[in-house]
Amino acid sequence: MATTTTTSLSYLCIVALFAVLAISEAADFLVGGSSNAWKIPTSASDTLNQWAAANRFQVGDSLVWKYEKEKDSVLQVTREDYLSCNTSSPIAEHKDGATAVKLARSGAYYFVSGAEGACEKGEKVIVVVMAARRRWD
C-alpha cells in the first residue's frame, strides 16, 4: 500500500512540475495574428489594439512582425510619441522585415510604423505586459 501511495505521489509531483513549466513558457505572438497585419487598418474597427487587448502578454514573451522591409519598419516609441505619431526619436528601430521584440518587463510598450504617414492612419499598437507572478512564502 505504501508503494502505491508513493508512486501516485511521485506521478502527481511530475504532472504538477510539467504544468508549472508549461504555464511559465514564453510565447511568440505574431502581431495582428497574421503575417500581413502590420499595415494601415482598413477601418476603425480593425485596429491592432483590438488584437492586443484580446491577448495576454507576459514577461519573456516576444512580439513578431512580418512586413516588407523596403516599405515599412517598426519603431518602439514612448507613450507621448505614440500619441503624437512622432517617429523622429524612437527607443528602437527595426527594418529587417521579420522583427522580433522580447518583452523583458511588465507594463506598456508602444510601437508605430516607420513608414511616412502610416502611424497617423492607424498603423500602431500598444501592448500591455502583465506583471510576473510572485509567490509569497
N, C-alpha and C. Protein backbone atom coordinates (compact mmCIF):
# COMPACT_ATOMS: atom_id res chain seq x y z
N MET A 1 0.83 -1.19 0.00
CA MET A 1 0.00 0.00 0.00
C MET A 1 0.87 1.26 0.00
N ALA A 2 1.96 1.26 0.78
CA ALA A 2 2.85 2.41 0.85
C ALA A 2 3.51 2.66 -0.50
N THR A 3 3.83 1.59 -1.23
CA THR A 3 4.44 1.74 -2.54
C THR A 3 3.48 2.38 -3.52
N THR A 4 2.23 2.00 -3.48
CA THR A 4 1.21 2.58 -4.36
C THR A 4 1.03 4.06 -4.07
N THR A 5 0.99 4.42 -2.81
CA THR A 5 0.84 5.82 -2.41
C THR A 5 2.05 6.63 -2.85
N THR A 6 3.25 6.09 -2.64
CA THR A 6 4.48 6.77 -3.04
C THR A 6 4.53 6.96 -4.55
N THR A 7 4.16 5.92 -5.30
CA THR A 7 4.15 6.01 -6.76
C THR A 7 3.13 7.04 -7.23
N SER A 8 1.95 7.04 -6.65
CA SER A 8 0.92 8.01 -7.02
C SER A 8 1.37 9.43 -6.72
N LEU A 9 2.00 9.61 -5.57
CA LEU A 9 2.51 10.93 -5.18
C LEU A 9 3.60 11.38 -6.14
N SER A 10 4.46 10.47 -6.54
CA SER A 10 5.53 10.79 -7.50
C SER A 10 4.94 11.24 -8.83
N TYR A 11 3.94 10.52 -9.34
CA TYR A 11 3.30 10.91 -10.59
C TYR A 11 2.63 12.27 -10.46
N LEU A 12 2.00 12.51 -9.34
CA LEU A 12 1.34 13.79 -9.12
C LEU A 12 2.35 14.93 -9.13
N CYS A 13 3.50 14.73 -8.51
CA CYS A 13 4.55 15.76 -8.48
C CYS A 13 5.08 16.03 -9.88
N ILE A 14 5.26 14.98 -10.68
CA ILE A 14 5.76 15.14 -12.04
C ILE A 14 4.74 15.90 -12.89
N VAL A 15 3.47 15.56 -12.78
CA VAL A 15 2.43 16.26 -13.52
C VAL A 15 2.38 17.73 -13.11
N ALA A 16 2.48 18.01 -11.83
CA ALA A 16 2.47 19.39 -11.34
C ALA A 16 3.67 20.17 -11.88
N LEU A 17 4.83 19.53 -11.91
CA LEU A 17 6.04 20.19 -12.43
C LEU A 17 5.85 20.55 -13.90
N PHE A 18 5.34 19.62 -14.70
CA PHE A 18 5.10 19.91 -16.11
C PHE A 18 4.07 21.01 -16.29
N ALA A 19 3.06 21.06 -15.47
CA ALA A 19 2.04 22.11 -15.54
C ALA A 19 2.66 23.48 -15.27
N VAL A 20 3.52 23.56 -14.27
CA VAL A 20 4.19 24.83 -13.95
C VAL A 20 5.10 25.25 -15.09
N LEU A 21 5.84 24.33 -15.65
CA LEU A 21 6.73 24.65 -16.76
C LEU A 21 5.95 25.10 -17.99
N ALA A 22 4.83 24.48 -18.26
CA ALA A 22 4.01 24.86 -19.40
C ALA A 22 3.44 26.26 -19.23
N ILE A 23 3.04 26.59 -18.03
CA ILE A 23 2.47 27.92 -17.76
C ILE A 23 3.53 29.00 -17.89
N SER A 24 4.75 28.73 -17.46
CA SER A 24 5.79 29.75 -17.45
C SER A 24 6.56 29.84 -18.76
N GLU A 25 6.21 29.03 -19.75
CA GLU A 25 6.90 29.03 -21.02
C GLU A 25 6.58 30.30 -21.80
N ALA A 26 7.60 30.93 -22.35
CA ALA A 26 7.40 32.15 -23.13
C ALA A 26 6.76 31.81 -24.47
N ALA A 27 6.03 32.77 -25.01
CA ALA A 27 5.36 32.57 -26.29
C ALA A 27 5.77 33.65 -27.28
N ASP A 28 5.70 33.31 -28.56
CA ASP A 28 5.90 34.27 -29.64
C ASP A 28 4.53 34.64 -30.19
N PHE A 29 4.27 35.94 -30.29
CA PHE A 29 2.99 36.43 -30.81
C PHE A 29 3.22 37.14 -32.14
N LEU A 30 2.63 36.63 -33.19
CA LEU A 30 2.67 37.29 -34.48
C LEU A 30 1.72 38.48 -34.41
N VAL A 31 2.26 39.67 -34.52
CA VAL A 31 1.47 40.89 -34.32
C VAL A 31 0.30 40.92 -35.29
N GLY A 32 -0.89 41.08 -34.74
CA GLY A 32 -2.11 41.09 -35.52
C GLY A 32 -2.64 39.71 -35.83
N GLY A 33 -1.87 38.68 -35.50
CA GLY A 33 -2.31 37.31 -35.72
C GLY A 33 -2.07 36.77 -37.11
N SER A 34 -1.50 37.58 -38.01
CA SER A 34 -1.19 37.09 -39.36
C SER A 34 0.03 37.81 -39.91
N SER A 35 0.62 37.24 -40.94
CA SER A 35 1.86 37.79 -41.47
C SER A 35 1.67 39.09 -42.24
N ASN A 36 0.44 39.46 -42.57
CA ASN A 36 0.22 40.72 -43.29
C ASN A 36 -0.55 41.74 -42.45
N ALA A 37 -0.50 41.63 -41.14
CA ALA A 37 -1.29 42.50 -40.27
C ALA A 37 -0.64 43.85 -40.00
N TRP A 38 0.67 43.98 -40.16
CA TRP A 38 1.35 45.26 -39.90
C TRP A 38 1.15 46.15 -41.12
N LYS A 39 0.01 46.84 -41.12
CA LYS A 39 -0.39 47.70 -42.22
C LYS A 39 -1.40 48.71 -41.71
N ILE A 40 -1.73 49.67 -42.54
CA ILE A 40 -2.77 50.64 -42.19
C ILE A 40 -4.09 49.89 -42.11
N PRO A 41 -4.82 50.04 -41.00
CA PRO A 41 -6.09 49.30 -40.87
C PRO A 41 -7.11 49.75 -41.90
N THR A 42 -7.95 48.81 -42.32
CA THR A 42 -8.97 49.11 -43.32
C THR A 42 -10.15 49.88 -42.74
N SER A 43 -10.33 49.78 -41.40
CA SER A 43 -11.41 50.52 -40.75
C SER A 43 -11.05 50.75 -39.28
N ALA A 44 -11.82 51.62 -38.64
CA ALA A 44 -11.58 51.92 -37.23
C ALA A 44 -11.87 50.72 -36.34
N SER A 45 -12.63 49.77 -36.85
CA SER A 45 -12.95 48.58 -36.05
C SER A 45 -11.96 47.45 -36.29
N ASP A 46 -10.92 47.71 -37.06
CA ASP A 46 -9.94 46.68 -37.42
C ASP A 46 -8.53 47.11 -36.99
N THR A 47 -8.38 47.51 -35.73
CA THR A 47 -7.07 48.02 -35.30
C THR A 47 -6.26 46.93 -34.61
N LEU A 48 -4.96 47.13 -34.59
CA LEU A 48 -4.07 46.20 -33.90
C LEU A 48 -4.26 46.26 -32.39
N ASN A 49 -4.75 47.38 -31.88
CA ASN A 49 -5.00 47.46 -30.44
C ASN A 49 -6.12 46.52 -30.01
N GLN A 50 -7.06 46.27 -30.87
CA GLN A 50 -8.11 45.28 -30.55
C GLN A 50 -7.50 43.89 -30.46
N TRP A 51 -6.59 43.57 -31.37
CA TRP A 51 -5.89 42.28 -31.31
C TRP A 51 -5.09 42.20 -30.00
N ALA A 52 -4.36 43.27 -29.67
CA ALA A 52 -3.52 43.27 -28.46
C ALA A 52 -4.37 43.10 -27.20
N ALA A 53 -5.53 43.74 -27.16
CA ALA A 53 -6.40 43.65 -25.98
C ALA A 53 -6.95 42.25 -25.79
N ALA A 54 -7.03 41.49 -26.85
CA ALA A 54 -7.58 40.13 -26.77
C ALA A 54 -6.52 39.09 -26.36
N ASN A 55 -5.28 39.53 -26.20
CA ASN A 55 -4.19 38.61 -25.83
C ASN A 55 -3.62 38.97 -24.47
N ARG A 56 -3.00 37.99 -23.83
CA ARG A 56 -2.34 38.21 -22.54
C ARG A 56 -0.85 38.01 -22.74
N PHE A 57 -0.12 39.09 -22.60
CA PHE A 57 1.33 39.07 -22.79
C PHE A 57 2.01 39.00 -21.43
N GLN A 58 3.06 38.18 -21.35
CA GLN A 58 3.79 38.03 -20.11
C GLN A 58 5.27 38.32 -20.35
N VAL A 59 5.95 38.67 -19.28
CA VAL A 59 7.39 38.90 -19.35
C VAL A 59 8.04 37.66 -19.95
N GLY A 60 8.91 37.88 -20.93
CA GLY A 60 9.59 36.77 -21.60
C GLY A 60 8.99 36.43 -22.95
N ASP A 61 7.73 36.83 -23.19
CA ASP A 61 7.12 36.62 -24.49
C ASP A 61 7.80 37.51 -25.52
N SER A 62 7.57 37.22 -26.79
CA SER A 62 8.11 38.04 -27.88
C SER A 62 7.00 38.42 -28.85
N LEU A 63 7.11 39.62 -29.38
CA LEU A 63 6.24 40.08 -30.46
C LEU A 63 7.01 39.89 -31.76
N VAL A 64 6.33 39.40 -32.78
CA VAL A 64 6.96 39.15 -34.07
C VAL A 64 6.16 39.88 -35.15
N TRP A 65 6.87 40.67 -35.95
CA TRP A 65 6.27 41.39 -37.07
C TRP A 65 6.79 40.82 -38.37
N LYS A 66 5.94 40.74 -39.36
CA LYS A 66 6.32 40.39 -40.73
C LYS A 66 5.84 41.54 -41.62
N TYR A 67 6.74 42.09 -42.42
CA TYR A 67 6.40 43.22 -43.28
C TYR A 67 7.43 43.36 -44.38
N GLU A 68 7.13 44.15 -45.39
CA GLU A 68 8.06 44.40 -46.48
C GLU A 68 9.09 45.42 -46.01
N LYS A 69 10.34 45.00 -45.86
CA LYS A 69 11.37 45.87 -45.29
C LYS A 69 11.68 47.07 -46.18
N GLU A 70 11.38 46.98 -47.45
CA GLU A 70 11.62 48.12 -48.35
C GLU A 70 10.58 49.22 -48.16
N LYS A 71 9.41 48.85 -47.59
CA LYS A 71 8.31 49.80 -47.50
C LYS A 71 7.94 50.21 -46.07
N ASP A 72 8.36 49.45 -45.08
CA ASP A 72 7.88 49.71 -43.72
C ASP A 72 8.96 49.39 -42.70
N SER A 73 8.67 49.70 -41.46
CA SER A 73 9.55 49.37 -40.34
C SER A 73 8.72 49.40 -39.06
N VAL A 74 9.34 49.01 -37.97
CA VAL A 74 8.68 49.02 -36.66
C VAL A 74 9.51 49.89 -35.73
N LEU A 75 8.87 50.87 -35.13
CA LEU A 75 9.56 51.75 -34.18
C LEU A 75 8.95 51.56 -32.80
N GLN A 76 9.80 51.32 -31.81
CA GLN A 76 9.33 51.35 -30.42
C GLN A 76 9.51 52.77 -29.94
N VAL A 77 8.44 53.34 -29.39
CA VAL A 77 8.45 54.75 -29.00
C VAL A 77 7.89 54.93 -27.59
N THR A 78 8.00 56.14 -27.08
CA THR A 78 7.40 56.48 -25.79
C THR A 78 5.90 56.67 -25.97
N ARG A 79 5.19 56.74 -24.85
CA ARG A 79 3.74 56.98 -24.89
C ARG A 79 3.43 58.29 -25.61
N GLU A 80 4.19 59.33 -25.28
CA GLU A 80 3.96 60.64 -25.88
C GLU A 80 4.16 60.59 -27.40
N ASP A 81 5.24 59.93 -27.84
CA ASP A 81 5.49 59.82 -29.27
C ASP A 81 4.45 58.94 -29.96
N TYR A 82 3.94 57.94 -29.26
CA TYR A 82 2.86 57.11 -29.80
C TYR A 82 1.62 57.97 -30.05
N LEU A 83 1.24 58.75 -29.05
CA LEU A 83 0.02 59.56 -29.16
C LEU A 83 0.13 60.63 -30.25
N SER A 84 1.32 61.17 -30.46
CA SER A 84 1.50 62.23 -31.46
C SER A 84 2.05 61.70 -32.79
N CYS A 85 2.31 60.39 -32.86
CA CYS A 85 2.92 59.78 -34.06
C CYS A 85 4.25 60.42 -34.42
N ASN A 86 5.03 60.73 -33.41
CA ASN A 86 6.36 61.28 -33.61
C ASN A 86 7.33 60.12 -33.84
N THR A 87 7.93 60.07 -35.01
CA THR A 87 8.86 58.98 -35.36
C THR A 87 10.32 59.43 -35.39
N SER A 88 10.59 60.64 -34.92
CA SER A 88 11.94 61.20 -35.07
C SER A 88 12.95 60.68 -34.05
N SER A 89 12.51 60.18 -32.91
CA SER A 89 13.47 59.72 -31.90
C SER A 89 12.97 58.44 -31.22
N PRO A 90 12.92 57.33 -31.96
CA PRO A 90 12.41 56.09 -31.38
C PRO A 90 13.35 55.51 -30.33
N ILE A 91 12.79 54.72 -29.44
CA ILE A 91 13.59 53.96 -28.46
C ILE A 91 14.38 52.90 -29.20
N ALA A 92 13.73 52.25 -30.17
CA ALA A 92 14.37 51.23 -31.01
C ALA A 92 13.75 51.28 -32.39
N GLU A 93 14.55 50.98 -33.41
CA GLU A 93 14.08 50.98 -34.80
C GLU A 93 14.42 49.64 -35.44
N HIS A 94 13.44 49.03 -36.08
CA HIS A 94 13.62 47.71 -36.69
C HIS A 94 13.22 47.81 -38.16
N LYS A 95 14.11 47.35 -39.07
CA LYS A 95 13.87 47.50 -40.51
C LYS A 95 14.11 46.21 -41.27
N ASP A 96 14.16 45.08 -40.59
CA ASP A 96 14.59 43.84 -41.25
C ASP A 96 13.48 43.04 -41.92
N GLY A 97 12.22 43.43 -41.75
CA GLY A 97 11.12 42.71 -42.37
C GLY A 97 10.60 41.53 -41.57
N ALA A 98 11.37 41.11 -40.59
CA ALA A 98 10.99 39.99 -39.71
C ALA A 98 11.49 40.31 -38.31
N THR A 99 10.83 41.24 -37.68
CA THR A 99 11.27 41.78 -36.40
C THR A 99 10.70 40.97 -35.23
N ALA A 100 11.56 40.69 -34.25
CA ALA A 100 11.12 40.05 -33.00
C ALA A 100 11.59 40.92 -31.85
N VAL A 101 10.68 41.26 -30.97
CA VAL A 101 11.00 42.08 -29.79
C VAL A 101 10.60 41.29 -28.55
N LYS A 102 11.59 41.02 -27.69
CA LYS A 102 11.32 40.32 -26.45
C LYS A 102 10.75 41.30 -25.43
N LEU A 103 9.70 40.89 -24.76
CA LEU A 103 9.05 41.72 -23.74
C LEU A 103 9.71 41.41 -22.40
N ALA A 104 10.66 42.24 -22.02
CA ALA A 104 11.53 41.95 -20.88
C ALA A 104 11.02 42.49 -19.54
N ARG A 105 9.97 43.31 -19.58
CA ARG A 105 9.46 43.90 -18.34
C ARG A 105 7.94 44.01 -18.43
N SER A 106 7.30 44.17 -17.30
CA SER A 106 5.86 44.39 -17.31
C SER A 106 5.58 45.86 -17.65
N GLY A 107 4.35 46.12 -18.05
CA GLY A 107 3.96 47.48 -18.38
C GLY A 107 3.62 47.62 -19.85
N ALA A 108 3.46 48.87 -20.27
CA ALA A 108 3.05 49.16 -21.65
C ALA A 108 4.25 49.33 -22.57
N TYR A 109 4.10 48.81 -23.77
CA TYR A 109 5.06 49.00 -24.86
C TYR A 109 4.29 49.68 -25.99
N TYR A 110 4.94 50.63 -26.66
CA TYR A 110 4.29 51.40 -27.72
C TYR A 110 5.08 51.22 -29.01
N PHE A 111 4.37 50.86 -30.09
CA PHE A 111 5.01 50.65 -31.38
C PHE A 111 4.22 51.38 -32.46
N VAL A 112 4.97 51.99 -33.39
CA VAL A 112 4.36 52.67 -34.53
C VAL A 112 5.10 52.27 -35.80
N SER A 113 4.44 52.46 -36.92
CA SER A 113 5.07 52.22 -38.21
C SER A 113 6.06 53.35 -38.50
N GLY A 114 7.16 52.98 -39.15
CA GLY A 114 8.13 53.99 -39.57
C GLY A 114 7.85 54.52 -40.96
N ALA A 115 6.86 53.96 -41.65
CA ALA A 115 6.50 54.45 -42.99
C ALA A 115 5.81 55.80 -42.86
N GLU A 116 6.18 56.71 -43.73
CA GLU A 116 5.65 58.08 -43.65
C GLU A 116 4.12 58.09 -43.71
N GLY A 117 3.50 58.71 -42.71
CA GLY A 117 2.06 58.88 -42.64
C GLY A 117 1.27 57.68 -42.16
N ALA A 118 1.91 56.52 -41.99
CA ALA A 118 1.18 55.30 -41.62
C ALA A 118 0.67 55.35 -40.18
N CYS A 119 1.45 55.88 -39.26
CA CYS A 119 1.02 55.96 -37.87
C CYS A 119 -0.24 56.82 -37.76
N GLU A 120 -0.24 57.95 -38.44
CA GLU A 120 -1.40 58.84 -38.41
C GLU A 120 -2.67 58.16 -38.94
N LYS A 121 -2.49 57.16 -39.79
CA LYS A 121 -3.62 56.42 -40.36
C LYS A 121 -3.94 55.16 -39.55
N GLY A 122 -3.25 54.97 -38.41
CA GLY A 122 -3.61 53.89 -37.50
C GLY A 122 -2.69 52.69 -37.44
N GLU A 123 -1.56 52.73 -38.14
CA GLU A 123 -0.63 51.60 -38.10
C GLU A 123 0.27 51.73 -36.87
N LYS A 124 -0.29 51.28 -35.74
CA LYS A 124 0.40 51.37 -34.46
C LYS A 124 -0.29 50.43 -33.48
N VAL A 125 0.42 50.12 -32.39
CA VAL A 125 -0.15 49.19 -31.41
C VAL A 125 0.44 49.45 -30.03
N ILE A 126 -0.40 49.28 -29.01
CA ILE A 126 0.03 49.31 -27.61
C ILE A 126 -0.10 47.88 -27.09
N VAL A 127 0.96 47.38 -26.49
CA VAL A 127 0.94 46.05 -25.88
C VAL A 127 1.20 46.21 -24.40
N VAL A 128 0.33 45.65 -23.57
CA VAL A 128 0.50 45.71 -22.12
C VAL A 128 0.92 44.33 -21.62
N VAL A 129 2.06 44.30 -20.95
CA VAL A 129 2.63 43.05 -20.44
C VAL A 129 2.28 42.93 -18.97
N MET A 130 1.71 41.78 -18.62
CA MET A 130 1.31 41.53 -17.23
C MET A 130 2.55 41.39 -16.34
N ALA A 131 2.39 41.77 -15.09
CA ALA A 131 3.47 41.61 -14.12
C ALA A 131 3.71 40.13 -13.88
N ALA A 132 4.95 39.80 -13.61
CA ALA A 132 5.29 38.41 -13.30
C ALA A 132 4.61 37.99 -12.01
N ARG A 133 4.15 36.77 -11.99
CA ARG A 133 3.52 36.26 -10.77
C ARG A 133 4.59 36.01 -9.72
N ARG A 134 4.25 36.34 -8.50
CA ARG A 134 5.18 36.12 -7.39
C ARG A 134 4.51 35.27 -6.33
N ARG A 135 5.28 34.39 -5.79
CA ARG A 135 4.78 33.58 -4.67
C ARG A 135 5.29 34.16 -3.39
N TRP A 136 4.43 34.35 -2.47
CA TRP A 136 4.80 34.85 -1.16
C TRP A 136 4.84 33.68 -0.20
N ASP A 137 6.03 33.32 0.21
CA ASP A 137 6.20 32.17 1.13
C ASP A 137 6.32 32.62 2.56
